[in-house]
Amino acid sequence: MGTNKNTGKRFLGGLAVAFVLPLSFYFIAKGLSKDKITLPAFYNAERIDTVTEDGKTWYDTIHHRVADLQGTNQLGDNVSLNKDLEGRILVVDFIFTTCADACPKLTGNMWLLQKAFRHNPKLENGLDYSVHFVSLSVDPERDTVAALRTYADGYKVNHDHWWFMTGDKRAIYNYARNELKLSTGPGDGGADDFIHTEKLVLIDAKRRVRGYYNGLDTADVKRCADDIVLLTMEKEKKHGNR
């Protein structure tokens, strides 16, 4: 009986967040002037350059740009995150379809984000493709295209808006550790290596990491939603934060 009550509370909590998240776009975009907005931070600085122009000198921080990852999505399409999704904001997480612990909740919270950003009335067709969701399998050998399709359909995902990807294990693990800079412990993506992280990673259109979030915490998921909105409003500076 107690389990049913807890399940019901989680369900109602999820519904509440699902309704709150879409409102974030309107409250932030309409309620704040651009000079009062604090944009999401940049992560993973690589170096600081000294720049001189027109007799003025300043320091320019160069941030890591996430390299491409190629694989196969749940529709059987060979896809490239940087080429096929060029110019889009990405939200990335890591799952495996046989996971019965954290992954269902992580995927459920990602579903709430997808729901929040599925429609944008400002766009002519009502569909918001400025942000794309990506779930990478950490068990790509068992997570076949068919397994990922069944898993995705179980959550009624929008296949054009959210990819579940399988591919080369070493490439996926390298992407997690060396491109997204996730704290997963050492490993080389070999047979005995296994990554299991609850993090959502927000990547801007220029492929710089702009946020890490606990994907199991609905409050942190809402923070991710707010940061996505802010990134859609961001304009690149001529210098700095590159």
C-alpha atoms as a PDB file:
ATOM      1  CA  MET A   1       0.000   0.000   0.000  1.00  0.00           C
ATOM      2  CA  GLY A   2       2.817   2.356   0.906  1.00  0.00           C
ATOM      3  CA  THR A   3       4.511   1.607  -2.412  1.00  0.00           C
ATOM      4  CA  ASN A   4       1.377   2.609  -4.315  1.00  0.00           C
ATOM      5  CA  LYS A   5       1.169   5.870  -2.384  1.00  0.00           C
ATOM      6  CA  ASN A   6       4.794   6.653  -3.124  1.00  0.00           C
ATOM      7  CA  THR A   7       4.309   5.817  -6.779  1.00  0.00           C
ATOM      8  CA  GLY A   8       1.284   8.086  -6.908  1.00  0.00           C
ATOM      9  CA  LYS A   9       3.200  10.934  -5.302  1.00  0.00           C
ATOM     10  CA  ARG A  10       6.008  10.555  -7.812  1.00  0.00           C
ATOM     11  CA  PHE A  11       3.500  10.484 -10.643  1.00  0.00           C
ATOM     12  CA  LEU A  12       1.766  13.643  -9.432  1.00  0.00           C
ATOM     13  CA  GLY A  13       5.127  15.294  -8.894  1.00  0.00           C
ATOM     14  CA  GLY A  14       6.107  14.408 -12.440  1.00  0.00           C
ATOM     15  CA  LEU A  15       2.891  15.878 -13.786  1.00  0.00           C
ATOM     16  CA  ALA A  16       3.477  19.080 -11.847  1.00  0.00           C
ATOM     17  CA  VAL A  17       6.962  19.444 -13.303  1.00  0.00           C
ATOM     18  CA  ALA A  18       5.652  18.657 -16.784  1.00  0.00           C
ATOM     19  CA  PHE A  19       3.298  21.619 -16.550  1.00  0.00           C
ATOM     20  CA  VAL A  20       5.835  23.920 -14.912  1.00  0.00           C
ATOM     21  CA  LEU A  21       8.673  23.322 -17.371  1.00  0.00           C
ATOM     22  CA  PRO A  22       6.961  24.765 -20.463  1.00  0.00           C
ATOM     23  CA  LEU A  23       6.092  27.888 -18.489  1.00  0.00           C
ATOM     24  CA  SER A  24       9.782  28.496 -17.824  1.00  0.00           C
ATOM     25  CA  PHE A  25      10.185  29.646 -21.419  1.00  0.00           C
ATOM     26  CA  TYR A  26       7.550  32.349 -21.111  1.00  0.00           C
ATOM     27  CA  PHE A  27       8.433  33.609 -17.631  1.00  0.00           C
ATOM     28  CA  ILE A  28      12.119  33.954 -18.427  1.00  0.00           C
ATOM     29  CA  ALA A  29      11.801  35.240 -21.988  1.00  0.00           C
ATOM     30  CA  LYS A  30       9.082  37.772 -21.226  1.00  0.00           C
ATOM     31  CA  GLY A  31       9.716  38.626 -17.586  1.00  0.00           C
ATOM     32  CA  LEU A  32      13.404  39.515 -17.735  1.00  0.00           C
ATOM     33  CA  SER A  33      15.227  42.158 -19.690  1.00  0.00           C
ATOM     34  CA  LYS A  34      18.358  40.922 -21.445  1.00  0.00           C
ATOM     35  CA  ASP A  35      20.689  42.984 -19.252  1.00  0.00           C
ATOM     36  CA  LYS A  36      19.382  41.174 -16.146  1.00  0.00           C
ATOM     37  CA  ILE A  37      19.759  37.657 -17.491  1.00  0.00           C
ATOM     38  CA  THR A  38      22.560  35.496 -16.109  1.00  0.00           C
ATOM     39  CA  LEU A  39      23.500  33.071 -18.840  1.00  0.00           C
ATOM     40  CA  PRO A  40      24.644  29.507 -18.103  1.00  0.00           C
ATOM     41  CA  ALA A  41      28.327  29.222 -17.285  1.00  0.00           C
ATOM     42  CA  PHE A  42      30.967  27.844 -19.620  1.00  0.00           C
ATOM     43  CA  TYR A  43      32.764  24.689 -18.517  1.00  0.00           C
ATOM     44  CA  ASN A  44      36.090  23.078 -19.346  1.00  0.00           C
ATOM     45  CA  ALA A  45      38.350  26.024 -20.155  1.00  0.00           C
ATOM     46  CA  GLU A  46      41.338  24.935 -22.247  1.00  0.00           C
ATOM     47  CA  ARG A  47      43.483  28.048 -22.294  1.00  0.00           C
ATOM     48  CA  ILE A  48      43.505  31.827 -21.984  1.00  0.00           C
ATOM     49  CA  ASP A  49      44.673  33.819 -24.991  1.00  0.00           C
ATOM     50  CA  THR A  50      45.929  37.389 -24.926  1.00  0.00           C
ATOM     51  CA  VAL A  51      44.277  39.384 -27.697  1.00  0.00           C
ATOM     52  CA  THR A  52      45.353  42.834 -28.893  1.00  0.00           C
ATOM     53  CA  GLU A  53      43.257  44.845 -31.315  1.00  0.00           C
ATOM     54  CA  ASP A  54      43.044  48.590 -32.006  1.00  0.00           C
ATOM     55  CA  GLY A  55      45.551  49.243 -29.239  1.00  0.00           C
ATOM     56  CA  LYS A  56      43.471  47.393 -26.642  1.00  0.00           C
ATOM     57  CA  THR A  57      44.449  44.155 -24.954  1.00  0.00           C
ATOM     58  CA  TRP A  58      42.220  41.670 -23.205  1.00  0.00           C
ATOM     59  CA  TYR A  59      42.173  38.048 -22.152  1.00  0.00           C
ATOM     60  CA  ASP A  60      40.029  35.614 -24.084  1.00  0.00           C
ATOM     61  CA  THR A  61      39.087  32.295 -22.471  1.00  0.00           C
ATOM     62  CA  ILE A  62      38.984  29.403 -24.925  1.00  0.00           C
ATOM     63  CA  HIS A  63      36.659  26.592 -23.875  1.00  0.00           C
ATOM     64  CA  HIS A  64      36.673  22.995 -24.991  1.00  0.00           C
ATOM     65  CA  ARG A  65      34.455  22.269 -27.972  1.00  0.00           C
ATOM     66  CA  VAL A  66      32.920  18.815 -27.913  1.00  0.00           C
ATOM     67  CA  ALA A  67      34.045  16.652 -30.817  1.00  0.00           C
ATOM     68  CA  ASP A  68      31.642  14.781 -33.032  1.00  0.00           C
ATOM     69  CA  LEU A  69      30.144  11.395 -32.219  1.00  0.00           C
ATOM     70  CA  GLN A  70      28.678   9.130 -34.848  1.00  0.00           C
ATOM     71  CA  GLY A  71      26.400   6.174 -34.326  1.00  0.00           C
ATOM     72  CA  THR A  72      23.035   4.683 -35.201  1.00  0.00           C
ATOM     73  CA  ASN A  73      19.756   5.930 -33.776  1.00  0.00           C
ATOM     74  CA  GLN A  74      16.582   4.034 -32.922  1.00  0.00           C
ATOM     75  CA  LEU A  75      15.290   4.477 -36.468  1.00  0.00           C
ATOM     76  CA  GLY A  76      18.322   2.733 -37.930  1.00  0.00           C
ATOM     77  CA  ASP A  77      19.765   5.958 -39.332  1.00  0.00           C
ATOM     78  CA  ASN A  78      23.504   6.562 -39.273  1.00  0.00           C
ATOM     79  CA  VAL A  79      23.793   9.923 -37.544  1.00  0.00           C
ATOM     80  CA  SER A  80      26.383  12.511 -36.538  1.00  0.00           C
ATOM     81  CA  LEU A  81      25.762  14.728 -33.523  1.00  0.00           C
ATOM     82  CA  ASN A  82      27.727  17.667 -34.873  1.00  0.00           C
ATOM     83  CA  LYS A  83      26.875  17.425 -38.562  1.00  0.00           C
ATOM     84  CA  ASP A  84      23.232  16.339 -38.496  1.00  0.00           C
ATOM     85  CA  LEU A  85      22.412  18.521 -35.480  1.00  0.00           C
ATOM     86  CA  GLU A  86      24.519  21.510 -36.449  1.00  0.00           C
ATOM     87  CA  GLY A  87      23.365  24.722 -34.791  1.00  0.00           C
ATOM     88  CA  ARG A  88      21.158  22.974 -32.238  1.00  0.00           C
ATOM     89  CA  ILE A  89      21.432  22.872 -28.470  1.00  0.00           C
ATOM     90  CA  LEU A  90      21.919  19.325 -27.172  1.00  0.00           C
ATOM     91  CA  VAL A  91      20.867  17.636 -23.944  1.00  0.00           C
ATOM     92  CA  VAL A  92      22.753  14.353 -23.549  1.00  0.00           C
ATOM     93  CA  ASP A  93      22.366  11.501 -21.092  1.00  0.00           C
ATOM     94  CA  PHE A  94      23.572   7.900 -20.837  1.00  0.00           C
ATOM     95  CA  ILE A  95      21.296   4.884 -20.405  1.00  0.00           C
ATOM     96  CA  PHE A  96      20.979   1.181 -21.189  1.00  0.00           C
ATOM     97  CA  THR A  97      17.698  -0.478 -21.999  1.00  0.00           C
ATOM     98  CA  THR A  98      17.977  -3.353 -19.504  1.00  0.00           C
ATOM     99  CA  CYS A  99      18.566  -0.979 -16.579  1.00  0.00           C
ATOM    100  CA  ALA A 100      15.814  -1.294 -13.974  1.00  0.00           C
ATOM    101  CA  ASP A 101      17.180   1.193 -11.457  1.00  0.00           C
ATOM    102  CA  ALA A 102      18.143   4.760 -12.387  1.00  0.00           C
ATOM    103  CA  CYS A 103      17.571   4.695 -16.143  1.00  0.00           C
ATOM    104  CA  PRO A 104      13.742   4.603 -16.120  1.00  0.00           C
ATOM    105  CA  LYS A 105      13.598   7.699 -13.903  1.00  0.00           C
ATOM    106  CA  LEU A 106      16.354   9.401 -15.878  1.00  0.00           C
ATOM    107  CA  THR A 107      14.518   8.715 -19.135  1.00  0.00           C
ATOM    108  CA  GLY A 108      11.232   9.828 -17.593  1.00  0.00           C
ATOM    109  CA  ASN A 109      12.739  13.171 -16.608  1.00  0.00           C
ATOM    110  CA  MET A 110      14.277  13.576 -20.053  1.00  0.00           C
ATOM    111  CA  TRP A 111      10.788  12.926 -21.422  1.00  0.00           C
ATOM    112  CA  LEU A 112       9.534  15.869 -19.356  1.00  0.00           C
ATOM    113  CA  LEU A 113      12.168  18.074 -20.971  1.00  0.00           C
ATOM    114  CA  GLN A 114      11.173  16.846 -24.411  1.00  0.00           C
ATOM    115  CA  LYS A 115       7.537  17.616 -23.600  1.00  0.00           C
ATOM    116  CA  ALA A 116       8.458  21.094 -22.375  1.00  0.00           C
ATOM    117  CA  PHE A 117      10.293  21.998 -25.576  1.00  0.00           C
ATOM    118  CA  ARG A 118       8.172  20.132 -28.067  1.00  0.00           C
ATOM    119  CA  HIS A 119       6.087  23.145 -29.039  1.00  0.00           C
ATOM    120  CA  ASN A 120       7.011  26.767 -29.533  1.00  0.00           C
ATOM    121  CA  PRO A 121       4.083  28.971 -30.581  1.00  0.00           C
ATOM    122  CA  LYS A 122       6.532  31.534 -31.936  1.00  0.00           C
ATOM    123  CA  LEU A 123       7.448  29.163 -34.746  1.00  0.00           C
ATOM    124  CA  GLU A 124       5.267  28.830 -37.802  1.00  0.00           C
ATOM    125  CA  ASN A 125       4.856  25.080 -37.540  1.00  0.00           C
ATOM    126  CA  GLY A 126       4.786  25.093 -33.737  1.00  0.00           C
ATOM    127  CA  LEU A 127       7.688  22.648 -33.461  1.00  0.00           C
ATOM    128  CA  ASP A 128      10.799  23.717 -31.594  1.00  0.00           C
ATOM    129  CA  TYR A 129      13.892  22.085 -33.068  1.00  0.00           C
ATOM    130  CA  SER A 130      16.396  24.497 -31.512  1.00  0.00           C
ATOM    131  CA  VAL A 131      17.088  21.809 -28.884  1.00  0.00           C
ATOM    132  CA  HIS A 132      17.625  18.098 -29.468  1.00  0.00           C
ATOM    133  CA  PHE A 133      17.726  15.297 -26.912  1.00  0.00           C
ATOM    134  CA  VAL A 134      20.232  12.445 -27.126  1.00  0.00           C
ATOM    135  CA  SER A 135      20.397   9.268 -25.024  1.00  0.00           C
ATOM    136  CA  LEU A 136      23.596   7.298 -25.584  1.00  0.00           C
ATOM    137  CA  SER A 137      23.696   3.609 -24.754  1.00  0.00           C
ATOM    138  CA  VAL A 138      26.485   2.533 -22.403  1.00  0.00           C
ATOM    139  CA  ASP A 139      25.744  -1.073 -23.395  1.00  0.00           C
ATOM    140  CA  PRO A 140      25.802  -0.672 -27.180  1.00  0.00           C
ATOM    141  CA  GLU A 141      26.429  -4.338 -27.959  1.00  0.00           C
ATOM    142  CA  ARG A 142      23.130  -5.424 -26.408  1.00  0.00           C
ATOM    143  CA  ASP A 143      21.277  -2.197 -27.189  1.00  0.00           C
ATOM    144  CA  THR A 144      20.547  -2.917 -30.819  1.00  0.00           C
ATOM    145  CA  VAL A 145      18.519  -0.600 -33.029  1.00  0.00           C
ATOM    146  CA  ALA A 146      15.459  -2.780 -32.398  1.00  0.00           C
ATOM    147  CA  ALA A 147      15.989  -2.673 -28.614  1.00  0.00           C
ATOM    148  CA  LEU A 148      16.378   1.111 -28.646  1.00  0.00           C
ATOM    149  CA  ARG A 149      13.276   1.534 -30.820  1.00  0.00           C
ATOM    150  CA  THR A 150      11.205  -0.576 -28.441  1.00  0.00           C
ATOM    151  CA  TYR A 151      12.572   1.345 -25.463  1.00  0.00           C
ATOM    152  CA  ALA A 152      11.899   4.732 -27.094  1.00  0.00           C
ATOM    153  CA  ASP A 153       8.392   3.744 -28.149  1.00  0.00           C
ATOM    154  CA  GLY A 154       7.696   2.734 -24.564  1.00  0.00           C
ATOM    155  CA  TYR A 155       8.147   6.385 -23.613  1.00  0.00           C
ATOM    156  CA  LYS A 156       6.250   7.672 -26.668  1.00  0.00           C
ATOM    157  CA  VAL A 157       9.182   9.856 -27.663  1.00  0.00           C
ATOM    158  CA  ASN A 158       9.243  12.164 -30.663  1.00  0.00           C
ATOM    159  CA  HIS A 159      11.806  10.369 -32.817  1.00  0.00           C
ATOM    160  CA  ASP A 160      12.690  13.574 -34.690  1.00  0.00           C
ATOM    161  CA  HIS A 161      13.350  15.390 -31.415  1.00  0.00           C
ATOM    162  CA  TRP A 162      15.096  12.712 -29.345  1.00  0.00           C
ATOM    163  CA  TRP A 163      17.606  10.124 -30.469  1.00  0.00           C
ATOM    164  CA  PHE A 164      18.597   6.931 -28.668  1.00  0.00           C
ATOM    165  CA  MET A 165      21.985   5.985 -30.045  1.00  0.00           C
ATOM    166  CA  THR A 166      24.107   2.870 -30.207  1.00  0.00           C
ATOM    167  CA  GLY A 167      27.537   2.546 -31.772  1.00  0.00           C
ATOM    168  CA  ASP A 168      31.161   1.816 -31.009  1.00  0.00           C
ATOM    169  CA  LYS A 169      31.589   1.383 -27.248  1.00  0.00           C
ATOM    170  CA  ARG A 170      35.057   2.899 -27.124  1.00  0.00           C
ATOM    171  CA  ALA A 171      33.850   5.961 -29.039  1.00  0.00           C
ATOM    172  CA  ILE A 172      30.852   6.441 -26.721  1.00  0.00           C
ATOM    173  CA  TYR A 173      32.953   6.024 -23.579  1.00  0.00           C
ATOM    174  CA  ASN A 174      35.611   8.386 -24.912  1.00  0.00           C
ATOM    175  CA  TYR A 175      32.850  10.907 -25.630  1.00  0.00           C
ATOM    176  CA  ALA A 176      31.625  10.669 -22.029  1.00  0.00           C
ATOM    177  CA  ARG A 177      35.041  10.898 -20.411  1.00  0.00           C
ATOM    178  CA  ASN A 178      37.152  13.085 -22.677  1.00  0.00           C
ATOM    179  CA  GLU A 179      34.632  15.221 -24.544  1.00  0.00           C
ATOM    180  CA  LEU A 180      31.892  15.779 -21.953  1.00  0.00           C
ATOM    181  CA  LYS A 181      34.420  15.504 -19.086  1.00  0.00           C
ATOM    182  CA  LEU A 182      32.123  13.360 -16.935  1.00  0.00           C
ATOM    183  CA  SER A 183      33.563  11.928 -13.731  1.00  0.00           C
ATOM    184  CA  THR A 184      33.155   8.247 -14.513  1.00  0.00           C
ATOM    185  CA  GLY A 185      36.433   6.836 -13.276  1.00  0.00           C
ATOM    186  CA  PRO A 186      39.236   5.487 -15.474  1.00  0.00           C
ATOM    187  CA  GLY A 187      38.602   3.112 -18.323  1.00  0.00           C
ATOM    188  CA  ASP A 188      39.203   2.473 -21.990  1.00  0.00           C
ATOM    189  CA  GLY A 189      35.784   1.326 -23.170  1.00  0.00           C
ATOM    190  CA  GLY A 190      36.889  -2.298 -23.152  1.00  0.00           C
ATOM    191  CA  ALA A 191      34.834  -5.354 -22.305  1.00  0.00           C
ATOM    192  CA  ASP A 192      35.159  -4.882 -18.527  1.00  0.00           C
ATOM    193  CA  ASP A 193      34.564  -1.124 -18.577  1.00  0.00           C
ATOM    194  CA  PHE A 194      31.141   0.207 -17.621  1.00  0.00           C
ATOM    195  CA  ILE A 195      29.781   3.749 -17.177  1.00  0.00           C
ATOM    196  CA  HIS A 196      26.610   4.466 -15.240  1.00  0.00           C
ATOM    197  CA  THR A 197      25.965   8.162 -14.658  1.00  0.00           C
ATOM    198  CA  GLU A 198      22.812  10.085 -13.779  1.00  0.00           C
ATOM    199  CA  LYS A 199      24.078  13.323 -15.312  1.00  0.00           C
ATOM    200  CA  LEU A 200      22.373  15.356 -18.004  1.00  0.00           C
ATOM    201  CA  VAL A 201      24.825  17.444 -20.018  1.00  0.00           C
ATOM    202  CA  LEU A 202      23.768  20.669 -21.732  1.00  0.00           C
ATOM    203  CA  ILE A 203      25.795  21.566 -24.829  1.00  0.00           C
ATOM    204  CA  ASP A 204      25.321  24.829 -26.700  1.00  0.00           C
ATOM    205  CA  ALA A 205      25.076  25.277 -30.465  1.00  0.00           C
ATOM    206  CA  LYS A 206      28.845  25.909 -30.625  1.00  0.00           C
ATOM    207  CA  ARG A 207      29.452  22.580 -28.861  1.00  0.00           C
ATOM    208  CA  ARG A 208      30.605  23.946 -25.537  1.00  0.00           C
ATOM    209  CA  VAL A 209      29.381  22.372 -22.300  1.00  0.00           C
ATOM    210  CA  ARG A 210      27.100  24.801 -20.467  1.00  0.00           C
ATOM    211  CA  GLY A 211      25.711  22.702 -17.637  1.00  0.00           C
ATOM    212  CA  TYR A 212      25.690  19.436 -15.692  1.00  0.00           C
ATOM    213  CA  TYR A 213      22.512  18.335 -13.905  1.00  0.00           C
ATOM    214  CA  ASN A 214      21.334  15.472 -11.758  1.00  0.00           C
ATOM    215  CA  GLY A 215      18.842  13.808 -14.083  1.00  0.00           C
ATOM    216  CA  LEU A 216      17.186  12.004 -11.168  1.00  0.00           C
ATOM    217  CA  ASP A 217      16.328  15.256  -9.380  1.00  0.00           C
ATOM    218  CA  THR A 218      13.264  17.020 -10.813  1.00  0.00           C
ATOM    219  CA  ALA A 219      14.395  20.369  -9.360  1.00  0.00           C
ATOM    220  CA  ASP A 220      17.700  20.056 -11.193  1.00  0.00           C
ATOM    221  CA  VAL A 221      15.871  18.990 -14.359  1.00  0.00           C
ATOM    222  CA  LYS A 222      13.830  22.205 -14.140  1.00  0.00           C
ATOM    223  CA  ARG A 223      17.101  24.146 -13.769  1.00  0.00           C
ATOM    224  CA  CYS A 224      18.259  22.470 -16.975  1.00  0.00           C
ATOM    225  CA  ALA A 225      15.036  23.578 -18.673  1.00  0.00           C
ATOM    226  CA  ASP A 226      15.587  27.167 -17.585  1.00  0.00           C
ATOM    227  CA  ASP A 227      19.160  27.089 -18.863  1.00  0.00           C
ATOM    228  CA  ILE A 228      17.998  25.743 -22.232  1.00  0.00           C
ATOM    229  CA  VAL A 229      15.693  28.748 -22.525  1.00  0.00           C
ATOM    230  CA  LEU A 230      18.523  31.115 -21.685  1.00  0.00           C
ATOM    231  CA  LEU A 231      20.754  29.545 -24.333  1.00  0.00           C
ATOM    232  CA  THR A 232      18.072  30.088 -26.968  1.00  0.00           C
ATOM    233  CA  MET A 233      18.257  33.799 -26.096  1.00  0.00           C
ATOM    234  CA  GLU A 234      22.043  34.000 -26.065  1.00  0.00           C
ATOM    235  CA  LYS A 235      23.906  36.075 -28.611  1.00  0.00           C
ATOM    236  CA  GLU A 236      27.580  35.490 -29.201  1.00  0.00           C
ATOM    237  CA  LYS A 237      29.981  38.182 -28.012  1.00  0.00           C
ATOM    238  CA  LYS A 238      32.564  39.406 -30.480  1.00  0.00           C
ATOM    239  CA  HIS A 239      35.278  38.419 -27.988  1.00  0.00           C
ATOM    240  CA  GLY A 240      35.417  36.288 -24.847  1.00  0.00           C
ATOM    241  CA  ASN A 241      33.969  32.937 -23.790  1.00  0.00           C
ATOM    242  CA  ARG A 242      34.911  31.134 -26.959  1.00  0.00           C
END
